[in-house]
Amino acid sequence: MLLNLLQALLGLDTPHRVIVYVLPVIFAITVHEAAHGYAARHFGDMTAAAAGRISLNPMRHIDPVGTLLIPGLTLLLGGILFGWAKPVPVDFGRLRHPKRDMLWVAAAGPASNLVMALLWALAIKISPALPSAIATPLALMGAAGIMINTVLMVLNLLPLPPLDGGRIAVSLLPQPWAWRFSRIEPYGFFILLALMFTHILGAIMWPFIMTVINLISWLFF
């Protein structure tokens, strides 16, 4: 069922595809960032709270390029749909145990995407019980929600600073190695763009994306 819905998404014309994806994209990206803020506050850093960024209001997190332009272009041009929001400010030095707690703050974002993917799967599951005028759009939106949240989760778990996976790696590595690895961060975004435009990023991510989608399909459908 889920794979059929994902196939149906590909068959939509661009305006309808944008309509179906807009809410899942906005919430996937903004909830991801809010989750970092909640986790940082829990572990002692109040930077995001002081900046008013611990919020589920999408307007506090939307980045014109990362939340709107890039996802829109990937919808138009094809390829793996992804984007980003304005990063929630986290001062890792203010965490109670900076190196250890960094792992949990970083992992909170991808974990929120997994939860949202499961909630969208639940929405698909209940959609047949709803009137047909609602059931089909909800099922398609659910498939879009599963896809975008799975993509963001897999992308952010790549061990490349400043992605969440890079922060997790820094937290887990011994201190001398962690320091050396963290020095990649200023170049991480450019490395990511290079991997994307050479299609290496898609080749790395796609097997993991399909593994998660197949697992969700097995659990719910």
N, C-alpha and C. Protein backbone atom coordinates (compact mmCIF):
# COMPACT_ATOMS: atom_id res chain seq x y z
N MET A 1 0.82 -1.21 0.00
CA MET A 1 0.00 0.00 0.00
C MET A 1 0.86 1.26 0.00
N LEU A 2 1.85 1.30 0.90
CA LEU A 2 2.70 2.48 0.99
C LEU A 2 3.48 2.70 -0.30
N LEU A 3 4.04 1.64 -0.85
CA LEU A 3 4.81 1.78 -2.09
C LEU A 3 3.93 2.25 -3.23
N ASN A 4 2.67 1.78 -3.25
CA ASN A 4 1.73 2.24 -4.28
C ASN A 4 1.44 3.73 -4.13
N LEU A 5 1.31 4.19 -2.88
CA LEU A 5 1.06 5.61 -2.65
C LEU A 5 2.27 6.46 -3.06
N LEU A 6 3.46 5.96 -2.76
CA LEU A 6 4.67 6.69 -3.17
C LEU A 6 4.77 6.76 -4.69
N GLN A 7 4.37 5.69 -5.35
CA GLN A 7 4.35 5.69 -6.81
C GLN A 7 3.32 6.69 -7.33
N ALA A 8 2.17 6.76 -6.64
CA ALA A 8 1.13 7.71 -7.04
C ALA A 8 1.60 9.15 -6.88
N LEU A 9 2.42 9.41 -5.86
CA LEU A 9 2.97 10.75 -5.69
C LEU A 9 3.79 11.17 -6.90
N LEU A 10 4.56 10.23 -7.44
CA LEU A 10 5.39 10.54 -8.61
C LEU A 10 4.54 10.86 -9.83
N GLY A 11 3.31 10.32 -9.86
CA GLY A 11 2.44 10.56 -11.00
C GLY A 11 1.67 11.86 -10.94
N LEU A 12 1.75 12.57 -9.80
CA LEU A 12 1.05 13.84 -9.68
C LEU A 12 1.74 14.92 -10.50
N ASP A 13 0.96 15.85 -11.03
CA ASP A 13 1.59 17.00 -11.68
C ASP A 13 2.19 17.90 -10.61
N THR A 14 3.04 18.83 -11.02
CA THR A 14 3.81 19.61 -10.06
C THR A 14 2.95 20.40 -9.08
N PRO A 15 1.89 21.12 -9.52
CA PRO A 15 1.10 21.87 -8.54
C PRO A 15 0.48 20.98 -7.46
N HIS A 16 -0.05 19.82 -7.85
CA HIS A 16 -0.66 18.93 -6.87
C HIS A 16 0.41 18.31 -5.95
N ARG A 17 1.58 18.03 -6.51
CA ARG A 17 2.65 17.47 -5.69
C ARG A 17 3.10 18.47 -4.63
N VAL A 18 3.20 19.74 -5.01
CA VAL A 18 3.58 20.79 -4.05
C VAL A 18 2.53 20.89 -2.95
N ILE A 19 1.24 20.85 -3.32
CA ILE A 19 0.17 20.95 -2.33
C ILE A 19 0.24 19.79 -1.34
N VAL A 20 0.50 18.60 -1.84
CA VAL A 20 0.56 17.43 -0.98
C VAL A 20 1.77 17.49 -0.05
N TYR A 21 2.89 18.01 -0.53
CA TYR A 21 4.13 17.98 0.24
C TYR A 21 4.29 19.16 1.21
N VAL A 22 3.58 20.26 1.00
CA VAL A 22 3.92 21.50 1.71
C VAL A 22 3.84 21.34 3.23
N LEU A 23 2.75 20.79 3.76
CA LEU A 23 2.64 20.64 5.21
C LEU A 23 3.63 19.61 5.77
N PRO A 24 3.75 18.43 5.15
CA PRO A 24 4.75 17.49 5.67
C PRO A 24 6.17 18.06 5.68
N VAL A 25 6.54 18.81 4.65
CA VAL A 25 7.89 19.38 4.60
C VAL A 25 8.09 20.40 5.72
N ILE A 26 7.14 21.32 5.86
CA ILE A 26 7.27 22.37 6.87
C ILE A 26 7.36 21.79 8.26
N PHE A 27 6.47 20.84 8.57
CA PHE A 27 6.47 20.28 9.92
C PHE A 27 7.66 19.36 10.16
N ALA A 28 8.09 18.62 9.14
CA ALA A 28 9.25 17.74 9.30
C ALA A 28 10.49 18.56 9.66
N ILE A 29 10.68 19.67 9.00
CA ILE A 29 11.87 20.48 9.21
C ILE A 29 11.79 21.27 10.52
N THR A 30 10.62 21.87 10.80
CA THR A 30 10.52 22.71 11.99
C THR A 30 10.46 21.89 13.27
N VAL A 31 9.75 20.78 13.27
CA VAL A 31 9.72 19.93 14.47
C VAL A 31 11.10 19.38 14.76
N HIS A 32 11.84 19.06 13.71
CA HIS A 32 13.22 18.59 13.87
C HIS A 32 14.04 19.61 14.65
N GLU A 33 13.95 20.87 14.26
CA GLU A 33 14.73 21.91 14.94
C GLU A 33 14.22 22.15 16.36
N ALA A 34 12.89 22.17 16.53
CA ALA A 34 12.34 22.36 17.88
C ALA A 34 12.80 21.24 18.82
N ALA A 35 12.90 20.03 18.29
CA ALA A 35 13.34 18.89 19.12
C ALA A 35 14.75 19.12 19.66
N HIS A 36 15.63 19.69 18.83
CA HIS A 36 16.97 20.02 19.33
C HIS A 36 16.88 21.00 20.50
N GLY A 37 16.00 22.01 20.35
CA GLY A 37 15.86 23.00 21.41
C GLY A 37 15.34 22.41 22.71
N TYR A 38 14.32 21.55 22.59
CA TYR A 38 13.79 20.88 23.79
C TYR A 38 14.87 20.05 24.48
N ALA A 39 15.62 19.29 23.68
CA ALA A 39 16.67 18.44 24.26
C ALA A 39 17.76 19.28 24.91
N ALA A 40 18.16 20.37 24.24
CA ALA A 40 19.20 21.23 24.81
C ALA A 40 18.74 21.82 26.14
N ARG A 41 17.50 22.26 26.22
CA ARG A 41 16.98 22.80 27.49
C ARG A 41 16.98 21.72 28.57
N HIS A 42 16.60 20.51 28.19
CA HIS A 42 16.56 19.42 29.16
C HIS A 42 17.94 19.13 29.75
N PHE A 43 18.97 19.28 28.91
CA PHE A 43 20.32 18.97 29.36
C PHE A 43 21.08 20.21 29.84
N GLY A 44 20.38 21.33 30.00
CA GLY A 44 20.98 22.46 30.70
C GLY A 44 21.28 23.71 29.89
N ASP A 45 21.14 23.66 28.56
CA ASP A 45 21.43 24.85 27.74
C ASP A 45 20.14 25.59 27.44
N MET A 46 20.05 26.84 27.90
CA MET A 46 18.84 27.63 27.72
C MET A 46 18.93 28.60 26.53
N THR A 47 19.95 28.44 25.68
CA THR A 47 20.16 29.38 24.58
C THR A 47 18.96 29.43 23.65
N ALA A 48 18.46 28.27 23.22
CA ALA A 48 17.31 28.24 22.31
C ALA A 48 16.06 28.78 22.99
N ALA A 49 15.89 28.48 24.27
CA ALA A 49 14.73 28.97 25.01
C ALA A 49 14.76 30.50 25.09
N ALA A 50 15.93 31.06 25.37
CA ALA A 50 16.06 32.52 25.47
C ALA A 50 15.81 33.20 24.13
N ALA A 51 16.10 32.49 23.03
CA ALA A 51 15.89 33.06 21.69
C ALA A 51 14.47 32.82 21.19
N GLY A 52 13.62 32.17 21.98
CA GLY A 52 12.25 31.88 21.57
C GLY A 52 12.14 30.83 20.49
N ARG A 53 13.14 29.93 20.41
CA ARG A 53 13.16 28.94 19.34
C ARG A 53 12.63 27.58 19.77
N ILE A 54 12.27 27.43 21.05
CA ILE A 54 11.64 26.17 21.45
C ILE A 54 10.14 26.33 21.21
N SER A 55 9.75 26.10 19.99
CA SER A 55 8.38 26.36 19.57
C SER A 55 8.03 25.45 18.40
N LEU A 56 6.76 25.05 18.34
CA LEU A 56 6.27 24.28 17.20
C LEU A 56 5.63 25.19 16.15
N ASN A 57 5.78 26.50 16.34
CA ASN A 57 5.30 27.47 15.34
C ASN A 57 6.27 27.48 14.16
N PRO A 58 5.84 27.01 12.98
CA PRO A 58 6.77 26.93 11.84
C PRO A 58 7.41 28.27 11.48
N MET A 59 6.71 29.37 11.73
CA MET A 59 7.25 30.67 11.34
C MET A 59 8.53 31.01 12.09
N ARG A 60 8.75 30.41 13.25
CA ARG A 60 9.97 30.67 14.01
C ARG A 60 11.18 29.92 13.45
N HIS A 61 10.93 28.97 12.57
CA HIS A 61 12.01 28.10 12.09
C HIS A 61 12.23 28.15 10.58
N ILE A 62 11.28 28.70 9.83
CA ILE A 62 11.38 28.66 8.37
C ILE A 62 12.58 29.46 7.87
N ASP A 63 13.36 28.83 7.02
CA ASP A 63 14.44 29.48 6.31
C ASP A 63 14.01 29.61 4.85
N PRO A 64 14.00 30.83 4.28
CA PRO A 64 13.48 31.00 2.92
C PRO A 64 14.15 30.09 1.89
N VAL A 65 15.43 29.85 2.05
CA VAL A 65 16.15 29.01 1.10
C VAL A 65 15.95 27.53 1.44
N GLY A 66 16.27 27.15 2.67
CA GLY A 66 16.27 25.73 3.02
C GLY A 66 14.91 25.11 3.19
N THR A 67 13.92 25.91 3.63
CA THR A 67 12.59 25.37 3.89
C THR A 67 11.66 25.52 2.69
N LEU A 68 11.92 26.51 1.83
CA LEU A 68 11.02 26.78 0.72
C LEU A 68 11.67 26.56 -0.64
N LEU A 69 12.79 27.25 -0.90
CA LEU A 69 13.39 27.23 -2.24
C LEU A 69 13.96 25.86 -2.59
N ILE A 70 14.82 25.30 -1.73
CA ILE A 70 15.48 24.03 -2.04
C ILE A 70 14.47 22.89 -2.17
N PRO A 71 13.54 22.71 -1.19
CA PRO A 71 12.54 21.65 -1.39
C PRO A 71 11.70 21.87 -2.66
N GLY A 72 11.38 23.15 -2.96
CA GLY A 72 10.61 23.42 -4.17
C GLY A 72 11.36 23.03 -5.43
N LEU A 73 12.66 23.35 -5.46
CA LEU A 73 13.47 23.00 -6.64
C LEU A 73 13.61 21.50 -6.79
N THR A 74 13.79 20.78 -5.67
CA THR A 74 13.94 19.33 -5.78
C THR A 74 12.62 18.67 -6.21
N LEU A 75 11.49 19.27 -5.82
CA LEU A 75 10.21 18.76 -6.31
C LEU A 75 10.07 18.97 -7.81
N LEU A 76 10.55 20.13 -8.29
CA LEU A 76 10.43 20.44 -9.71
C LEU A 76 11.41 19.64 -10.56
N LEU A 77 12.63 19.48 -10.05
CA LEU A 77 13.70 18.90 -10.86
C LEU A 77 13.91 17.41 -10.63
N GLY A 78 13.28 16.88 -9.56
CA GLY A 78 13.46 15.47 -9.24
C GLY A 78 14.63 15.26 -8.31
N GLY A 79 14.87 14.03 -7.97
CA GLY A 79 15.92 13.69 -7.02
C GLY A 79 15.36 13.57 -5.62
N ILE A 80 16.26 13.39 -4.64
CA ILE A 80 15.84 13.23 -3.25
C ILE A 80 15.40 14.57 -2.70
N LEU A 81 14.17 14.62 -2.19
CA LEU A 81 13.63 15.85 -1.62
C LEU A 81 14.24 16.07 -0.24
N PHE A 82 14.86 17.22 -0.05
CA PHE A 82 15.35 17.55 1.28
C PHE A 82 15.41 19.05 1.45
N GLY A 83 15.66 19.49 2.67
CA GLY A 83 15.76 20.91 2.97
C GLY A 83 16.21 21.09 4.41
N TRP A 84 16.12 22.31 4.91
CA TRP A 84 16.52 22.57 6.28
C TRP A 84 15.79 23.81 6.78
N ALA A 85 15.77 23.97 8.09
CA ALA A 85 15.22 25.16 8.71
C ALA A 85 16.37 25.97 9.31
N LYS A 86 16.03 27.13 9.88
CA LYS A 86 17.06 27.89 10.59
C LYS A 86 17.53 27.06 11.78
N PRO A 87 18.83 26.80 11.89
CA PRO A 87 19.29 25.95 12.99
C PRO A 87 18.95 26.56 14.35
N VAL A 88 18.47 25.73 15.25
CA VAL A 88 18.23 26.17 16.62
C VAL A 88 19.59 26.41 17.29
N PRO A 89 19.79 27.56 17.92
CA PRO A 89 21.09 27.81 18.56
C PRO A 89 21.29 26.94 19.79
N VAL A 90 22.38 26.23 19.80
CA VAL A 90 22.75 25.38 20.94
C VAL A 90 24.18 25.70 21.33
N ASP A 91 24.40 26.04 22.59
CA ASP A 91 25.75 26.25 23.12
C ASP A 91 26.13 24.98 23.87
N PHE A 92 26.87 24.11 23.18
CA PHE A 92 27.19 22.82 23.77
C PHE A 92 28.01 22.97 25.06
N GLY A 93 28.72 24.06 25.19
CA GLY A 93 29.49 24.29 26.40
C GLY A 93 28.63 24.50 27.63
N ARG A 94 27.37 24.84 27.43
CA ARG A 94 26.46 25.06 28.56
C ARG A 94 25.72 23.79 28.98
N LEU A 95 25.87 22.73 28.23
CA LEU A 95 25.25 21.47 28.64
C LEU A 95 25.93 20.97 29.91
N ARG A 96 25.19 20.24 30.72
CA ARG A 96 25.75 19.77 31.99
C ARG A 96 26.97 18.88 31.77
N HIS A 97 26.90 18.02 30.77
CA HIS A 97 28.04 17.17 30.40
C HIS A 97 28.23 17.33 28.89
N PRO A 98 28.95 18.36 28.45
CA PRO A 98 28.94 18.77 27.04
C PRO A 98 29.17 17.65 26.04
N LYS A 99 30.23 16.87 26.22
CA LYS A 99 30.55 15.86 25.20
C LYS A 99 29.52 14.74 25.19
N ARG A 100 29.09 14.31 26.36
CA ARG A 100 28.10 13.23 26.43
C ARG A 100 26.72 13.69 25.99
N ASP A 101 26.29 14.86 26.48
CA ASP A 101 24.93 15.33 26.20
C ASP A 101 24.76 15.78 24.76
N MET A 102 25.89 16.13 24.10
CA MET A 102 25.82 16.50 22.69
C MET A 102 25.14 15.41 21.87
N LEU A 103 25.41 14.16 22.21
CA LEU A 103 24.82 13.04 21.48
C LEU A 103 23.30 13.10 21.52
N TRP A 104 22.74 13.33 22.72
CA TRP A 104 21.28 13.31 22.87
C TRP A 104 20.64 14.52 22.22
N VAL A 105 21.29 15.67 22.31
CA VAL A 105 20.75 16.88 21.66
C VAL A 105 20.75 16.68 20.14
N ALA A 106 21.84 16.13 19.61
CA ALA A 106 21.92 15.90 18.17
C ALA A 106 20.92 14.84 17.71
N ALA A 107 20.77 13.77 18.50
CA ALA A 107 19.90 12.67 18.11
C ALA A 107 18.43 13.04 18.18
N ALA A 108 18.09 14.09 18.93
CA ALA A 108 16.68 14.46 19.10
C ALA A 108 16.02 14.82 17.77
N GLY A 109 16.77 15.45 16.86
CA GLY A 109 16.20 15.84 15.57
C GLY A 109 15.80 14.65 14.72
N PRO A 110 16.75 13.74 14.40
CA PRO A 110 16.37 12.54 13.64
C PRO A 110 15.32 11.70 14.34
N ALA A 111 15.36 11.63 15.68
CA ALA A 111 14.35 10.86 16.41
C ALA A 111 12.96 11.45 16.18
N SER A 112 12.87 12.78 16.14
CA SER A 112 11.58 13.42 15.90
C SER A 112 11.07 13.09 14.50
N ASN A 113 11.97 12.99 13.53
CA ASN A 113 11.56 12.63 12.17
C ASN A 113 11.04 11.20 12.11
N LEU A 114 11.65 10.29 12.87
CA LEU A 114 11.16 8.91 12.92
C LEU A 114 9.75 8.87 13.52
N VAL A 115 9.55 9.61 14.60
CA VAL A 115 8.22 9.65 15.22
C VAL A 115 7.18 10.21 14.25
N MET A 116 7.55 11.28 13.54
CA MET A 116 6.60 11.87 12.59
C MET A 116 6.30 10.91 11.44
N ALA A 117 7.30 10.18 10.97
CA ALA A 117 7.06 9.20 9.91
C ALA A 117 6.06 8.15 10.36
N LEU A 118 6.18 7.71 11.61
CA LEU A 118 5.26 6.71 12.15
C LEU A 118 3.85 7.30 12.30
N LEU A 119 3.76 8.56 12.69
CA LEU A 119 2.44 9.20 12.82
C LEU A 119 1.77 9.36 11.45
N TRP A 120 2.56 9.68 10.43
CA TRP A 120 2.00 9.77 9.07
C TRP A 120 1.55 8.39 8.60
N ALA A 121 2.28 7.35 8.98
CA ALA A 121 1.84 5.99 8.63
C ALA A 121 0.51 5.67 9.30
N LEU A 122 0.34 6.12 10.54
CA LEU A 122 -0.93 5.92 11.24
C LEU A 122 -2.05 6.67 10.53
N ALA A 123 -1.75 7.88 10.02
CA ALA A 123 -2.75 8.64 9.27
C ALA A 123 -3.20 7.87 8.02
N ILE A 124 -2.26 7.25 7.33
CA ILE A 124 -2.62 6.43 6.16
C ILE A 124 -3.48 5.26 6.60
N LYS A 125 -3.12 4.66 7.72
CA LYS A 125 -3.83 3.47 8.21
C LYS A 125 -5.31 3.78 8.48
N ILE A 126 -5.60 4.96 9.03
CA ILE A 126 -6.99 5.29 9.36
C ILE A 126 -7.73 5.94 8.20
N SER A 127 -7.02 6.33 7.14
CA SER A 127 -7.65 7.08 6.05
C SER A 127 -8.81 6.33 5.38
N PRO A 128 -8.77 4.99 5.21
CA PRO A 128 -9.90 4.32 4.56
C PRO A 128 -11.23 4.47 5.32
N ALA A 129 -11.16 4.77 6.61
CA ALA A 129 -12.39 4.93 7.39
C ALA A 129 -13.02 6.30 7.21
N LEU A 130 -12.34 7.19 6.52
CA LEU A 130 -12.82 8.56 6.34
C LEU A 130 -13.54 8.69 5.00
N PRO A 131 -14.34 9.76 4.82
CA PRO A 131 -14.98 10.00 3.52
C PRO A 131 -13.95 10.07 2.41
N SER A 132 -14.31 9.62 1.23
CA SER A 132 -13.35 9.51 0.12
C SER A 132 -12.72 10.85 -0.24
N ALA A 133 -13.46 11.94 -0.05
CA ALA A 133 -12.93 13.26 -0.37
C ALA A 133 -11.75 13.63 0.53
N ILE A 134 -11.70 13.01 1.71
CA ILE A 134 -10.61 13.26 2.65
C ILE A 134 -9.58 12.14 2.61
N ALA A 135 -10.06 10.91 2.41
CA ALA A 135 -9.20 9.73 2.53
C ALA A 135 -8.02 9.76 1.56
N THR A 136 -8.29 10.04 0.29
CA THR A 136 -7.21 10.00 -0.71
C THR A 136 -6.18 11.10 -0.49
N PRO A 137 -6.60 12.37 -0.31
CA PRO A 137 -5.58 13.39 -0.02
C PRO A 137 -4.78 13.10 1.24
N LEU A 138 -5.44 12.59 2.30
CA LEU A 138 -4.73 12.29 3.54
C LEU A 138 -3.72 11.16 3.33
N ALA A 139 -4.11 10.15 2.57
CA ALA A 139 -3.19 9.03 2.32
C ALA A 139 -1.97 9.50 1.53
N LEU A 140 -2.19 10.35 0.52
CA LEU A 140 -1.07 10.87 -0.26
C LEU A 140 -0.18 11.76 0.60
N MET A 141 -0.80 12.60 1.44
CA MET A 141 -0.01 13.46 2.33
C MET A 141 0.76 12.61 3.33
N GLY A 142 0.14 11.51 3.78
CA GLY A 142 0.84 10.61 4.69
C GLY A 142 2.06 9.99 4.04
N ALA A 143 1.92 9.57 2.78
CA ALA A 143 3.06 9.00 2.06
C ALA A 143 4.17 10.04 1.90
N ALA A 144 3.76 11.28 1.58
CA ALA A 144 4.75 12.36 1.47
C ALA A 144 5.43 12.60 2.81
N GLY A 145 4.65 12.55 3.90
CA GLY A 145 5.22 12.74 5.23
C GLY A 145 6.21 11.66 5.60
N ILE A 146 5.89 10.42 5.25
CA ILE A 146 6.82 9.33 5.52
C ILE A 146 8.11 9.52 4.72
N MET A 147 7.98 9.89 3.46
CA MET A 147 9.16 10.05 2.62
C MET A 147 10.06 11.18 3.10
N ILE A 148 9.50 12.37 3.33
CA ILE A 148 10.34 13.51 3.70
C ILE A 148 10.97 13.30 5.08
N ASN A 149 10.22 12.71 6.02
CA ASN A 149 10.81 12.49 7.34
C ASN A 149 11.88 11.41 7.31
N THR A 150 11.69 10.38 6.48
CA THR A 150 12.72 9.35 6.35
C THR A 150 13.97 9.93 5.71
N VAL A 151 13.80 10.74 4.68
CA VAL A 151 14.95 11.37 4.02
C VAL A 151 15.71 12.25 5.01
N LEU A 152 14.98 13.08 5.77
CA LEU A 152 15.66 13.97 6.71
C LEU A 152 16.36 13.19 7.82
N MET A 153 15.73 12.12 8.28
CA MET A 153 16.36 11.32 9.32
C MET A 153 17.66 10.69 8.80
N VAL A 154 17.61 10.07 7.63
CA VAL A 154 18.80 9.42 7.08
C VAL A 154 19.87 10.46 6.76
N LEU A 155 19.47 11.57 6.15
CA LEU A 155 20.44 12.62 5.81
C LEU A 155 21.15 13.13 7.05
N ASN A 156 20.39 13.42 8.09
CA ASN A 156 20.99 14.02 9.28
C ASN A 156 21.80 13.03 10.10
N LEU A 157 21.63 11.74 9.87
CA LEU A 157 22.44 10.76 10.58
C LEU A 157 23.76 10.46 9.87
N LEU A 158 23.98 11.05 8.69
CA LEU A 158 25.28 10.87 8.04
C LEU A 158 26.38 11.46 8.93
N PRO A 159 27.49 10.77 9.12
CA PRO A 159 28.54 11.25 10.03
C PRO A 159 29.39 12.35 9.41
N LEU A 160 28.76 13.49 9.18
CA LEU A 160 29.44 14.63 8.58
C LEU A 160 29.06 15.89 9.34
N PRO A 161 29.99 16.49 10.08
CA PRO A 161 29.66 17.77 10.72
C PRO A 161 29.35 18.81 9.66
N PRO A 162 28.35 19.69 9.84
CA PRO A 162 27.58 19.92 11.06
C PRO A 162 26.27 19.15 11.13
N LEU A 163 26.09 18.09 10.33
CA LEU A 163 24.88 17.29 10.43
C LEU A 163 24.83 16.62 11.82
N ASP A 164 23.63 16.21 12.20
CA ASP A 164 23.47 15.59 13.52
C ASP A 164 24.35 14.36 13.68
N GLY A 165 24.49 13.58 12.61
CA GLY A 165 25.35 12.40 12.68
C GLY A 165 26.79 12.76 12.96
N GLY A 166 27.24 13.91 12.43
CA GLY A 166 28.59 14.39 12.74
C GLY A 166 28.74 14.73 14.20
N ARG A 167 27.71 15.38 14.78
CA ARG A 167 27.76 15.72 16.21
C ARG A 167 27.76 14.44 17.06
N ILE A 168 26.95 13.47 16.64
CA ILE A 168 26.92 12.20 17.37
C ILE A 168 28.29 11.53 17.32
N ALA A 169 28.93 11.56 16.14
CA ALA A 169 30.26 10.98 16.00
C ALA A 169 31.27 11.69 16.90
N VAL A 170 31.21 13.03 16.95
CA VAL A 170 32.11 13.79 17.82
C VAL A 170 31.90 13.40 19.27
N SER A 171 30.64 13.19 19.66
CA SER A 171 30.34 12.80 21.03
C SER A 171 30.90 11.43 21.38
N LEU A 172 30.91 10.52 20.41
CA LEU A 172 31.32 9.15 20.67
C LEU A 172 32.82 8.93 20.54
N LEU A 173 33.49 9.72 19.71
CA LEU A 173 34.92 9.51 19.47
C LEU A 173 35.75 9.92 20.69
N PRO A 174 36.91 9.29 20.89
CA PRO A 174 37.83 9.77 21.93
C PRO A 174 38.22 11.22 21.68
N GLN A 175 38.54 11.95 22.73
CA GLN A 175 38.72 13.40 22.64
C GLN A 175 39.68 13.85 21.53
N PRO A 176 40.87 13.27 21.39
CA PRO A 176 41.77 13.77 20.33
C PRO A 176 41.18 13.58 18.93
N TRP A 177 40.54 12.43 18.70
CA TRP A 177 39.93 12.17 17.40
C TRP A 177 38.71 13.05 17.20
N ALA A 178 37.95 13.26 18.26
CA ALA A 178 36.75 14.09 18.18
C ALA A 178 37.12 15.51 17.77
N TRP A 179 38.21 16.02 18.35
CA TRP A 179 38.63 17.39 18.04
C TRP A 179 39.04 17.50 16.57
N ARG A 180 39.80 16.52 16.10
CA ARG A 180 40.22 16.55 14.70
C ARG A 180 39.02 16.42 13.76
N PHE A 181 38.11 15.52 14.08
CA PHE A 181 36.93 15.30 13.23
C PHE A 181 36.04 16.54 13.19
N SER A 182 35.91 17.24 14.33
CA SER A 182 35.05 18.42 14.38
C SER A 182 35.56 19.56 13.52
N ARG A 183 36.84 19.53 13.16
CA ARG A 183 37.41 20.59 12.32
C ARG A 183 36.91 20.54 10.88
N ILE A 184 36.21 19.45 10.52
CA ILE A 184 35.61 19.36 9.18
C ILE A 184 34.41 20.30 9.06
N GLU A 185 33.81 20.70 10.20
CA GLU A 185 32.52 21.38 10.19
C GLU A 185 32.43 22.58 9.25
N PRO A 186 33.41 23.48 9.19
CA PRO A 186 33.27 24.63 8.28
C PRO A 186 33.11 24.24 6.81
N TYR A 187 33.55 23.03 6.45
CA TYR A 187 33.49 22.58 5.07
C TYR A 187 32.36 21.58 4.82
N GLY A 188 31.65 21.21 5.89
CA GLY A 188 30.65 20.15 5.78
C GLY A 188 29.55 20.45 4.79
N PHE A 189 29.05 21.69 4.80
CA PHE A 189 27.96 22.03 3.90
C PHE A 189 28.41 21.94 2.44
N PHE A 190 29.62 22.37 2.15
CA PHE A 190 30.13 22.32 0.78
C PHE A 190 30.37 20.88 0.34
N ILE A 191 30.83 20.04 1.28
CA ILE A 191 30.99 18.62 0.97
C ILE A 191 29.63 18.01 0.65
N LEU A 192 28.62 18.38 1.44
CA LEU A 192 27.26 17.87 1.21
C LEU A 192 26.74 18.28 -0.15
N LEU A 193 26.93 19.54 -0.52
CA LEU A 193 26.47 20.01 -1.85
C LEU A 193 27.20 19.27 -2.96
N ALA A 194 28.50 19.06 -2.79
CA ALA A 194 29.26 18.33 -3.82
C ALA A 194 28.74 16.91 -3.96
N LEU A 195 28.45 16.25 -2.85
CA LEU A 195 27.91 14.89 -2.90
C LEU A 195 26.54 14.87 -3.57
N MET A 196 25.74 15.93 -3.33
CA MET A 196 24.41 15.98 -3.92
C MET A 196 24.48 16.16 -5.44
N PHE A 197 25.29 17.12 -5.88
CA PHE A 197 25.33 17.42 -7.31
C PHE A 197 26.05 16.34 -8.13
N THR A 198 26.86 15.52 -7.47
CA THR A 198 27.51 14.41 -8.17
C THR A 198 26.70 13.11 -8.03
N HIS A 199 25.53 13.21 -7.37
CA HIS A 199 24.62 12.07 -7.18
C HIS A 199 25.18 10.99 -6.25
N ILE A 200 26.31 11.27 -5.63
CA ILE A 200 26.86 10.32 -4.67
C ILE A 200 25.99 10.27 -3.42
N LEU A 201 25.45 11.44 -3.03
CA LEU A 201 24.61 11.51 -1.84
C LEU A 201 23.40 10.58 -1.97
N GLY A 202 22.74 10.63 -3.12
CA GLY A 202 21.59 9.77 -3.33
C GLY A 202 21.97 8.30 -3.29
N ALA A 203 23.12 7.96 -3.88
CA ALA A 203 23.55 6.56 -3.88
C ALA A 203 23.84 6.06 -2.47
N ILE A 204 24.36 6.95 -1.61
CA ILE A 204 24.63 6.57 -0.22
C ILE A 204 23.33 6.43 0.56
N MET A 205 22.41 7.37 0.37
CA MET A 205 21.23 7.44 1.22
C MET A 205 20.13 6.47 0.81
N TRP A 206 19.99 6.21 -0.49
CA TRP A 206 18.80 5.50 -0.96
C TRP A 206 18.61 4.11 -0.34
N PRO A 207 19.66 3.29 -0.18
CA PRO A 207 19.43 1.98 0.46
C PRO A 207 18.89 2.11 1.89
N PHE A 208 19.37 3.10 2.64
CA PHE A 208 18.88 3.30 4.00
C PHE A 208 17.44 3.82 4.00
N ILE A 209 17.14 4.73 3.07
CA ILE A 209 15.77 5.25 2.96
C ILE A 209 14.80 4.11 2.68
N MET A 210 15.14 3.26 1.72
CA MET A 210 14.23 2.16 1.37
C MET A 210 14.12 1.14 2.49
N THR A 211 15.18 0.94 3.25
CA THR A 211 15.10 0.03 4.39
C THR A 211 14.09 0.53 5.42
N VAL A 212 14.15 1.83 5.72
CA VAL A 212 13.21 2.40 6.68
C VAL A 212 11.78 2.36 6.15
N ILE A 213 11.60 2.70 4.87
CA ILE A 213 10.25 2.69 4.28
C ILE A 213 9.68 1.27 4.27
N ASN A 214 10.51 0.31 3.92
CA ASN A 214 10.04 -1.08 3.93
C ASN A 214 9.69 -1.55 5.34
N LEU A 215 10.45 -1.10 6.32
CA LEU A 215 10.15 -1.45 7.70
C LEU A 215 8.82 -0.84 8.15
N ILE A 216 8.59 0.42 7.82
CA ILE A 216 7.33 1.07 8.17
C ILE A 216 6.17 0.39 7.46
N SER A 217 6.38 0.03 6.20
CA SER A 217 5.33 -0.68 5.44
C SER A 217 5.01 -2.00 6.10
N TRP A 218 6.04 -2.72 6.57
CA TRP A 218 5.82 -4.00 7.23
C TRP A 218 5.09 -3.84 8.55
N LEU A 219 5.40 -2.77 9.30
CA LEU A 219 4.78 -2.56 10.60
C LEU A 219 3.31 -2.16 10.50
N PHE A 220 2.97 -1.37 9.49
CA PHE A 220 1.64 -0.77 9.44
C PHE A 220 0.71 -1.37 8.37
N PHE A 221 1.31 -1.93 7.31
CA PHE A 221 0.46 -2.31 6.18
C PHE A 221 0.63 -3.78 5.79
